[in-house]
């Protein structure tokens, strides 16, 4: 009897569990299934959106590369355009300068033509003036050449006169002056010395020429340069032949 009761209780318990499963757990299981399906759908939608986004990103990156390439080309073209603009500006400035110079030359030519017109009424008079100008210039050249020759002769006469001037009142040559003979002209009895105005050598000053302590000649300064001077051998004072390298000291 007890066994039967237990069996019944077991059957009732099983039926209770089955009922509980059917009425309580089944809705929960269905909800879990539905949630899974919803999550799977959302995952698929998200994956689809991700793929679409990646595709869009790829297209955007390709467009960006194309845009960057276009931008680089535009920069190169802009640089070339700027260089060309600078070159054209410099050329325009050069043309403007040439135009200004041309206008100036044209004005000068116009002024010159006006001056010619003011002094002559025809080509014959202009040619006559040109011939006269040439003649005057030739005459002036001859006069200048004669003047130069006269100055040269006068200088030579003055030099010779100074060489014969008495020693009284000769300019004082500083005692510190000491030089050498650079050039000797035995034909005209003059020498070139390596002392001049820088050493305070005065014109017409008298110097002694010596060699190894022996007097060779006495000279008078004819002309003085900054570091050179020309002197004439004084008559009666040439005791020997002067040679280059001889020493000169104040008299």
C-alpha atoms as a PDB file:
ATOM      1  CA  UNK A   1       0.000   0.000   0.000  1.00  0.00           C
ATOM      2  CA  UNK A   2       2.761   2.339   0.948  1.00  0.00           C
ATOM      3  CA  UNK A   3       4.582   1.545  -2.241  1.00  0.00           C
ATOM      4  CA  UNK A   4       1.546   2.417  -4.233  1.00  0.00           C
ATOM      5  CA  UNK A   5       1.186   5.689  -2.440  1.00  0.00           C
ATOM      6  CA  UNK A   6       4.827   6.528  -3.128  1.00  0.00           C
ATOM      7  CA  UNK A   7       4.434   5.660  -6.748  1.00  0.00           C
ATOM      8  CA  UNK A   8       1.439   7.886  -7.038  1.00  0.00           C
ATOM      9  CA  UNK A   9       3.262  10.669  -5.324  1.00  0.00           C
ATOM     10  CA  UNK A  10       6.161  10.208  -7.716  1.00  0.00           C
ATOM     11  CA  UNK A  11       3.861  10.315 -10.680  1.00  0.00           C
ATOM     12  CA  UNK A  12       2.182  13.425  -9.344  1.00  0.00           C
ATOM     13  CA  UNK A  13       5.545  15.011  -8.723  1.00  0.00           C
ATOM     14  CA  UNK A  14       6.589  14.208 -12.296  1.00  0.00           C
ATOM     15  CA  UNK A  15       3.390  15.638 -13.614  1.00  0.00           C
ATOM     16  CA  UNK A  16       4.018  18.724 -11.495  1.00  0.00           C
ATOM     17  CA  UNK A  17       7.499  19.109 -12.872  1.00  0.00           C
ATOM     18  CA  UNK A  18       6.237  18.660 -16.406  1.00  0.00           C
ATOM     19  CA  UNK A  19       3.533  21.215 -15.807  1.00  0.00           C
ATOM     20  CA  UNK A  20       6.014  23.561 -14.211  1.00  0.00           C
ATOM     21  CA  UNK A  21       8.311  23.144 -17.194  1.00  0.00           C
ATOM     22  CA  UNK A  22       5.507  23.713 -19.600  1.00  0.00           C
ATOM     23  CA  UNK A  23       3.934  26.687 -17.952  1.00  0.00           C
ATOM     24  CA  UNK A  24       6.911  28.363 -16.208  1.00  0.00           C
ATOM     25  CA  UNK A  25      10.195  27.359 -17.866  1.00  0.00           C
ATOM     26  CA  UNK A  26       8.951  27.270 -21.446  1.00  0.00           C
ATOM     27  CA  UNK A  27       8.203  31.012 -21.590  1.00  0.00           C
ATOM     28  CA  UNK A  28      11.647  31.700 -20.111  1.00  0.00           C
ATOM     29  CA  UNK A  29      13.288  29.393 -22.592  1.00  0.00           C
ATOM     30  CA  UNK A  30      11.343  30.995 -25.411  1.00  0.00           C
ATOM     31  CA  UNK A  31      12.418  34.408 -24.163  1.00  0.00           C
ATOM     32  CA  UNK A  32      16.023  33.292 -24.106  1.00  0.00           C
ATOM     33  CA  UNK A  33      15.651  31.918 -27.652  1.00  0.00           C
ATOM     34  CA  UNK A  34      14.004  35.141 -28.766  1.00  0.00           C
ATOM     35  CA  UNK A  35      16.779  37.185 -27.132  1.00  0.00           C
ATOM     36  CA  UNK A  36      19.375  35.019 -28.844  1.00  0.00           C
ATOM     37  CA  UNK A  37      17.656  35.455 -32.193  1.00  0.00           C
ATOM     38  CA  UNK A  38      17.396  39.220 -31.603  1.00  0.00           C
ATOM     39  CA  UNK A  39      21.059  39.400 -30.684  1.00  0.00           C
ATOM     40  CA  UNK A  40      21.964  37.345 -33.726  1.00  0.00           C
ATOM     41  CA  UNK A  41      19.915  39.678 -35.928  1.00  0.00           C
ATOM     42  CA  UNK A  42      21.543  42.715 -34.348  1.00  0.00           C
ATOM     43  CA  UNK A  43      24.968  41.118 -34.799  1.00  0.00           C
ATOM     44  CA  UNK A  44      24.220  40.458 -38.444  1.00  0.00           C
ATOM     45  CA  UNK A  45      22.959  44.030 -38.870  1.00  0.00           C
ATOM     46  CA  UNK A  46      26.043  45.361 -37.090  1.00  0.00           C
ATOM     47  CA  UNK A  47      28.292  43.186 -39.243  1.00  0.00           C
ATOM     48  CA  UNK A  48      26.477  44.415 -42.343  1.00  0.00           C
ATOM     49  CA  UNK A  49      26.851  48.015 -41.188  1.00  0.00           C
ATOM     50  CA  UNK A  50      30.540  47.391 -40.423  1.00  0.00           C
ATOM     51  CA  UNK A  51      31.122  45.991 -43.876  1.00  0.00           C
ATOM     52  CA  UNK A  52      29.306  48.948 -45.398  1.00  0.00           C
ATOM     53  CA  UNK A  53      31.319  51.328 -43.246  1.00  0.00           C
ATOM     54  CA  UNK A  54      34.594  49.644 -44.283  1.00  0.00           C
ATOM     55  CA  UNK A  55      33.555  49.894 -47.919  1.00  0.00           C
ATOM     56  CA  UNK A  56      32.670  53.555 -47.493  1.00  0.00           C
ATOM     57  CA  UNK A  57      35.970  54.115 -45.645  1.00  0.00           C
ATOM     58  CA  UNK A  58      37.885  52.474 -48.484  1.00  0.00           C
ATOM     59  CA  UNK A  59      36.123  54.617 -51.041  1.00  0.00           C
ATOM     60  CA  UNK A  60      36.778  57.703 -48.920  1.00  0.00           C
ATOM     61  CA  UNK A  61      40.474  56.819 -48.602  1.00  0.00           C
ATOM     62  CA  UNK A  62      40.713  56.343 -52.360  1.00  0.00           C
ATOM     63  CA  UNK A  63      39.031  59.699 -52.916  1.00  0.00           C
ATOM     64  CA  UNK A  64      41.406  61.241 -50.347  1.00  0.00           C
ATOM     65  CA  UNK A  65      44.427  59.877 -52.178  1.00  0.00           C
ATOM     66  CA  UNK A  66      43.052  61.210 -55.446  1.00  0.00           C
ATOM     67  CA  UNK A  67      42.406  64.569 -53.784  1.00  0.00           C
ATOM     68  CA  UNK A  68      45.943  64.637 -52.329  1.00  0.00           C
ATOM     69  CA  UNK A  69      47.407  63.810 -55.742  1.00  0.00           C
ATOM     70  CA  UNK A  70      45.285  66.539 -57.311  1.00  0.00           C
ATOM     71  CA  UNK A  71      46.402  68.943 -54.572  1.00  0.00           C
ATOM     72  CA  UNK A  72      50.077  68.136 -55.217  1.00  0.00           C
ATOM     73  CA  UNK A  73      49.573  68.723 -58.923  1.00  0.00           C
ATOM     74  CA  UNK A  74      47.806  71.974 -58.140  1.00  0.00           C
ATOM     75  CA  UNK A  75      50.706  73.063 -55.902  1.00  0.00           C
ATOM     76  CA  UNK A  76      53.206  72.291 -58.670  1.00  0.00           C
ATOM     77  CA  UNK A  77      51.102  74.207 -61.175  1.00  0.00           C
ATOM     78  CA  UNK A  78      50.765  77.090 -58.718  1.00  0.00           C
ATOM     79  CA  UNK A  79      54.538  77.201 -58.178  1.00  0.00           C
ATOM     80  CA  UNK A  80      55.109  77.177 -61.926  1.00  0.00           C
ATOM     81  CA  UNK A  81      52.476  79.877 -62.374  1.00  0.00           C
ATOM     82  CA  UNK A  82      54.110  82.032 -59.670  1.00  0.00           C
ATOM     83  CA  UNK A  83      57.551  81.578 -61.259  1.00  0.00           C
ATOM     84  CA  UNK A  84      56.130  82.501 -64.658  1.00  0.00           C
ATOM     85  CA  UNK A  85      54.352  85.508 -63.161  1.00  0.00           C
ATOM     86  CA  UNK A  86      57.609  86.657 -61.516  1.00  0.00           C
ATOM     87  CA  UNK A  87      59.467  86.210 -64.807  1.00  0.00           C
ATOM     88  CA  UNK A  88      56.802  88.141 -66.683  1.00  0.00           C
ATOM     89  CA  UNK A  89      56.914  90.892 -64.051  1.00  0.00           C
ATOM     90  CA  UNK A  90      60.697  91.155 -64.364  1.00  0.00           C
ATOM     91  CA  UNK A  91      60.352  91.212 -68.134  1.00  0.00           C
ATOM     92  CA  UNK A  92      57.705  93.913 -67.836  1.00  0.00           C
ATOM     93  CA  UNK A  93      59.995  95.920 -65.546  1.00  0.00           C
ATOM     94  CA  UNK A  94      62.824  95.532 -68.062  1.00  0.00           C
ATOM     95  CA  UNK A  95      60.564  96.624 -70.887  1.00  0.00           C
ATOM     96  CA  UNK A  96      59.442  99.609 -68.835  1.00  0.00           C
ATOM     97  CA  UNK A  97      63.075 100.559 -68.162  1.00  0.00           C
ATOM     98  CA  UNK A  98      63.887 100.184 -71.872  1.00  0.00           C
ATOM     99  CA  UNK A  99      60.854 102.276 -72.733  1.00  0.00           C
ATOM    100  CA  UNK A 100      61.913 104.982 -70.287  1.00  0.00           C
ATOM    101  CA  UNK A 101      65.452 105.005 -71.711  1.00  0.00           C
ATOM    102  CA  UNK A 102      64.097 105.083 -75.255  1.00  0.00           C
ATOM    103  CA  UNK A 103      61.892 108.045 -74.376  1.00  0.00           C
ATOM    104  CA  UNK A 104      64.880 109.788 -72.791  1.00  0.00           C
ATOM    105  CA  UNK A 105      67.054 109.099 -75.859  1.00  0.00           C
ATOM    106  CA  UNK A 106      64.252 110.274 -78.110  1.00  0.00           C
ATOM    107  CA  UNK A 107      63.927 113.495 -76.133  1.00  0.00           C
ATOM    108  CA  UNK A 108      67.701 114.037 -76.288  1.00  0.00           C
ATOM    109  CA  UNK A 109      67.636 113.447 -80.050  1.00  0.00           C
ATOM    110  CA  UNK A 110      64.710 115.819 -80.409  1.00  0.00           C
ATOM    111  CA  UNK A 111      66.514 118.477 -78.367  1.00  0.00           C
ATOM    112  CA  UNK A 112      69.666 117.979 -80.442  1.00  0.00           C
ATOM    113  CA  UNK A 113      67.667 118.252 -83.662  1.00  0.00           C
ATOM    114  CA  UNK A 114      66.008 121.414 -82.385  1.00  0.00           C
ATOM    115  CA  UNK A 115      69.417 122.928 -81.596  1.00  0.00           C
ATOM    116  CA  UNK A 116      70.634 122.079 -85.072  1.00  0.00           C
ATOM    117  CA  UNK A 117      67.533 123.599 -86.589  1.00  0.00           C
ATOM    118  CA  UNK A 118      68.024 126.743 -84.535  1.00  0.00           C
ATOM    119  CA  UNK A 119      71.534 127.314 -85.909  1.00  0.00           C
ATOM    120  CA  UNK A 120      71.048 126.142 -89.473  1.00  0.00           C
ATOM    121  CA  UNK A 121      68.320 126.254 -92.042  1.00  0.00           C
ATOM    122  CA  UNK A 122      69.496 123.459 -94.319  1.00  0.00           C
ATOM    123  CA  UNK A 123      71.853 120.476 -94.783  1.00  0.00           C
ATOM    124  CA  UNK A 124      74.460 122.662 -96.526  1.00  0.00           C
ATOM    125  CA  UNK A 125      74.823 124.933 -93.504  1.00  0.00           C
ATOM    126  CA  UNK A 126      75.005 121.937 -91.192  1.00  0.00           C
ATOM    127  CA  UNK A 127      77.804 120.392 -93.264  1.00  0.00           C
ATOM    128  CA  UNK A 128      79.592 123.750 -93.308  1.00  0.00           C
ATOM    129  CA  UNK A 129      79.394 123.938 -89.525  1.00  0.00           C
ATOM    130  CA  UNK A 130      80.699 120.358 -89.209  1.00  0.00           C
ATOM    131  CA  UNK A 131      83.644 121.140 -91.519  1.00  0.00           C
ATOM    132  CA  UNK A 132      84.392 124.307 -89.552  1.00  0.00           C
ATOM    133  CA  UNK A 133      84.263 122.377 -86.273  1.00  0.00           C
ATOM    134  CA  UNK A 134      86.689 119.768 -87.623  1.00  0.00           C
ATOM    135  CA  UNK A 135      89.063 122.517 -88.771  1.00  0.00           C
ATOM    136  CA  UNK A 136      88.904 124.239 -85.385  1.00  0.00           C
ATOM    137  CA  UNK A 137      89.572 120.941 -83.602  1.00  0.00           C
ATOM    138  CA  UNK A 138      92.572 120.212 -85.823  1.00  0.00           C
ATOM    139  CA  UNK A 139      93.930 123.703 -85.193  1.00  0.00           C
ATOM    140  CA  UNK A 140      93.375 123.281 -81.467  1.00  0.00           C
ATOM    141  CA  UNK A 141      95.207 119.934 -81.529  1.00  0.00           C
ATOM    142  CA  UNK A 142      98.173 121.569 -83.254  1.00  0.00           C
ATOM    143  CA  UNK A 143      98.185 124.397 -80.706  1.00  0.00           C
ATOM    144  CA  UNK A 144      97.992 121.915 -77.820  1.00  0.00           C
ATOM    145  CA  UNK A 145     100.897 119.931 -79.256  1.00  0.00           C
ATOM    146  CA  UNK A 146     102.960 123.102 -79.669  1.00  0.00           C
ATOM    147  CA  UNK A 147     102.067 124.083 -76.114  1.00  0.00           C
ATOM    148  CA  UNK A 148     103.154 120.683 -74.842  1.00  0.00           C
ATOM    149  CA  UNK A 149     106.480 120.982 -76.673  1.00  0.00           C
ATOM    150  CA  UNK A 150     107.024 124.491 -75.320  1.00  0.00           C
ATOM    151  CA  UNK A 151     106.265 123.323 -71.768  1.00  0.00           C
ATOM    152  CA  UNK A 152     108.689 120.444 -72.232  1.00  0.00           C
ATOM    153  CA  UNK A 153     111.405 122.764 -73.555  1.00  0.00           C
ATOM    154  CA  UNK A 154     110.737 125.249 -70.771  1.00  0.00           C
ATOM    155  CA  UNK A 155     111.008 122.487 -68.183  1.00  0.00           C
ATOM    156  CA  UNK A 156     114.273 121.304 -69.688  1.00  0.00           C
ATOM    157  CA  UNK A 157     115.666 124.859 -69.750  1.00  0.00           C
ATOM    158  CA  UNK A 158     114.546 125.368 -66.156  1.00  0.00           C
ATOM    159  CA  UNK A 159     116.216 122.111 -65.175  1.00  0.00           C
ATOM    160  CA  UNK A 160     119.455 123.131 -66.874  1.00  0.00           C
ATOM    161  CA  UNK A 161     119.280 126.582 -65.300  1.00  0.00           C
ATOM    162  CA  UNK A 162     118.854 125.100 -61.855  1.00  0.00           C
ATOM    163  CA  UNK A 163     121.821 122.827 -62.431  1.00  0.00           C
ATOM    164  CA  UNK A 164     124.010 125.923 -62.921  1.00  0.00           C
ATOM    165  CA  UNK A 165     122.541 127.866 -60.020  1.00  0.00           C
ATOM    166  CA  UNK A 166     125.033 128.950 -57.347  1.00  0.00           C
ATOM    167  CA  UNK A 167     125.110 126.910 -54.150  1.00  0.00           C
ATOM    168  CA  UNK A 168     124.326 129.950 -51.970  1.00  0.00           C
ATOM    169  CA  UNK A 169     120.852 129.613 -50.529  1.00  0.00           C
ATOM    170  CA  UNK A 170     120.449 125.956 -51.566  1.00  0.00           C
ATOM    171  CA  UNK A 171     117.427 124.291 -49.936  1.00  0.00           C
ATOM    172  CA  UNK A 172     118.318 122.387 -46.815  1.00  0.00           C
ATOM    173  CA  UNK A 173     118.269 118.599 -47.240  1.00  0.00           C
ATOM    174  CA  UNK A 174     117.397 116.746 -43.994  1.00  0.00           C
ATOM    175  CA  UNK A 175     120.405 114.965 -42.528  1.00  0.00           C
ATOM    176  CA  UNK A 176     118.324 111.803 -42.245  1.00  0.00           C
ATOM    177  CA  UNK A 177     118.138 111.441 -46.024  1.00  0.00           C
ATOM    178  CA  UNK A 178     120.100 108.473 -47.319  1.00  0.00           C
ATOM    179  CA  UNK A 179     119.380 106.739 -50.587  1.00  0.00           C
ATOM    180  CA  UNK A 180     120.811 105.003 -53.614  1.00  0.00           C
ATOM    181  CA  UNK A 181     121.173 105.605 -57.321  1.00  0.00           C
ATOM    182  CA  UNK A 182     118.583 103.638 -59.280  1.00  0.00           C
ATOM    183  CA  UNK A 183     119.280 104.749 -62.864  1.00  0.00           C
ATOM    184  CA  UNK A 184     122.236 106.543 -64.498  1.00  0.00           C
ATOM    185  CA  UNK A 185     122.191 108.462 -67.799  1.00  0.00           C
ATOM    186  CA  UNK A 186     125.831 109.285 -68.610  1.00  0.00           C
ATOM    187  CA  UNK A 187     124.869 111.048 -71.851  1.00  0.00           C
ATOM    188  CA  UNK A 188     122.796 113.746 -70.166  1.00  0.00           C
ATOM    189  CA  UNK A 189     124.499 113.504 -66.766  1.00  0.00           C
ATOM    190  CA  UNK A 190     121.408 112.880 -64.680  1.00  0.00           C
ATOM    191  CA  UNK A 191     120.458 110.152 -62.224  1.00  0.00           C
ATOM    192  CA  UNK A 192     117.280 108.775 -60.672  1.00  0.00           C
ATOM    193  CA  UNK A 193     117.348 108.309 -56.888  1.00  0.00           C
ATOM    194  CA  UNK A 194     115.184 106.176 -54.592  1.00  0.00           C
ATOM    195  CA  UNK A 195     114.384 109.103 -52.256  1.00  0.00           C
ATOM    196  CA  UNK A 196     111.736 111.760 -52.784  1.00  0.00           C
ATOM    197  CA  UNK A 197     109.053 113.896 -51.140  1.00  0.00           C
ATOM    198  CA  UNK A 198     108.280 111.150 -48.635  1.00  0.00           C
ATOM    199  CA  UNK A 199     111.821 111.597 -47.281  1.00  0.00           C
ATOM    200  CA  UNK A 200     111.413 115.418 -47.480  1.00  0.00           C
ATOM    201  CA  UNK A 201     113.936 115.801 -50.313  1.00  0.00           C
ATOM    202  CA  UNK A 202     113.525 119.404 -51.601  1.00  0.00           C
ATOM    203  CA  UNK A 203     113.684 120.435 -55.237  1.00  0.00           C
ATOM    204  CA  UNK A 204     117.102 122.022 -56.063  1.00  0.00           C
ATOM    205  CA  UNK A 205     118.583 120.309 -53.005  1.00  0.00           C
ATOM    206  CA  UNK A 206     122.223 119.197 -53.282  1.00  0.00           C
ATOM    207  CA  UNK A 207     123.336 115.612 -52.580  1.00  0.00           C
ATOM    208  CA  UNK A 208     126.680 113.845 -52.586  1.00  0.00           C
ATOM    209  CA  UNK A 209     127.169 110.582 -54.461  1.00  0.00           C
ATOM    210  CA  UNK A 210     129.720 108.218 -52.920  1.00  0.00           C
ATOM    211  CA  UNK A 211     130.930 104.671 -53.247  1.00  0.00           C
ATOM    212  CA  UNK A 212     132.653 102.804 -50.449  1.00  0.00           C
ATOM    213  CA  UNK A 213     133.282 106.099 -48.638  1.00  0.00           C
ATOM    214  CA  UNK A 214     134.791 107.817 -51.702  1.00  0.00           C
ATOM    215  CA  UNK A 215     133.139 110.897 -53.219  1.00  0.00           C
ATOM    216  CA  UNK A 216     132.074 110.273 -56.819  1.00  0.00           C
ATOM    217  CA  UNK A 217     129.997 113.342 -57.713  1.00  0.00           C
ATOM    218  CA  UNK A 218     127.750 116.129 -56.503  1.00  0.00           C
ATOM    219  CA  UNK A 219     124.183 116.330 -57.871  1.00  0.00           C
ATOM    220  CA  UNK A 220     121.330 118.825 -57.692  1.00  0.00           C
ATOM    221  CA  UNK A 221     117.716 117.637 -57.485  1.00  0.00           C
ATOM    222  CA  UNK A 222     115.716 118.722 -60.561  1.00  0.00           C
ATOM    223  CA  UNK A 223     112.317 117.167 -59.819  1.00  0.00           C
ATOM    224  CA  UNK A 224     110.788 115.270 -56.912  1.00  0.00           C
ATOM    225  CA  UNK A 225     108.172 112.523 -56.874  1.00  0.00           C
ATOM    226  CA  UNK A 226     106.627 110.792 -53.853  1.00  0.00           C
ATOM    227  CA  UNK A 227     109.402 108.190 -53.530  1.00  0.00           C
ATOM    228  CA  UNK A 228     111.736 109.114 -56.415  1.00  0.00           C
ATOM    229  CA  UNK A 229     113.715 112.116 -57.573  1.00  0.00           C
ATOM    230  CA  UNK A 230     115.737 113.148 -60.624  1.00  0.00           C
ATOM    231  CA  UNK A 231     119.036 114.930 -60.087  1.00  0.00           C
ATOM    232  CA  UNK A 232     121.600 116.478 -62.488  1.00  0.00           C
ATOM    233  CA  UNK A 233     125.346 116.099 -62.052  1.00  0.00           C
ATOM    234  CA  UNK A 234     126.750 119.495 -61.118  1.00  0.00           C
ATOM    235  CA  UNK A 235     129.487 120.790 -63.500  1.00  0.00           C
ATOM    236  CA  UNK A 236     132.998 120.359 -62.132  1.00  0.00           C
ATOM    237  CA  UNK A 237     131.846 117.860 -59.500  1.00  0.00           C
ATOM    238  CA  UNK A 238     131.962 114.646 -61.479  1.00  0.00           C
ATOM    239  CA  UNK A 239     134.974 112.914 -59.960  1.00  0.00           C
ATOM    240  CA  UNK A 240     134.178 109.491 -61.389  1.00  0.00           C
ATOM    241  CA  UNK A 241     131.562 107.483 -63.207  1.00  0.00           C
ATOM    242  CA  UNK A 242     128.329 107.114 -61.272  1.00  0.00           C
ATOM    243  CA  UNK A 243     126.914 103.589 -61.228  1.00  0.00           C
ATOM    244  CA  UNK A 244     123.670 102.115 -60.030  1.00  0.00           C
ATOM    245  CA  UNK A 245     123.748 101.349 -56.311  1.00  0.00           C
ATOM    246  CA  UNK A 246     125.969 104.314 -55.363  1.00  0.00           C
ATOM    247  CA  UNK A 247     125.005 105.957 -52.064  1.00  0.00           C
ATOM    248  CA  UNK A 248     123.552 109.486 -51.887  1.00  0.00           C
ATOM    249  CA  UNK A 249     123.640 111.668 -48.740  1.00  0.00           C
ATOM    250  CA  UNK A 250     122.979 115.378 -47.997  1.00  0.00           C
ATOM    251  CA  UNK A 251     125.709 117.833 -48.925  1.00  0.00           C
END
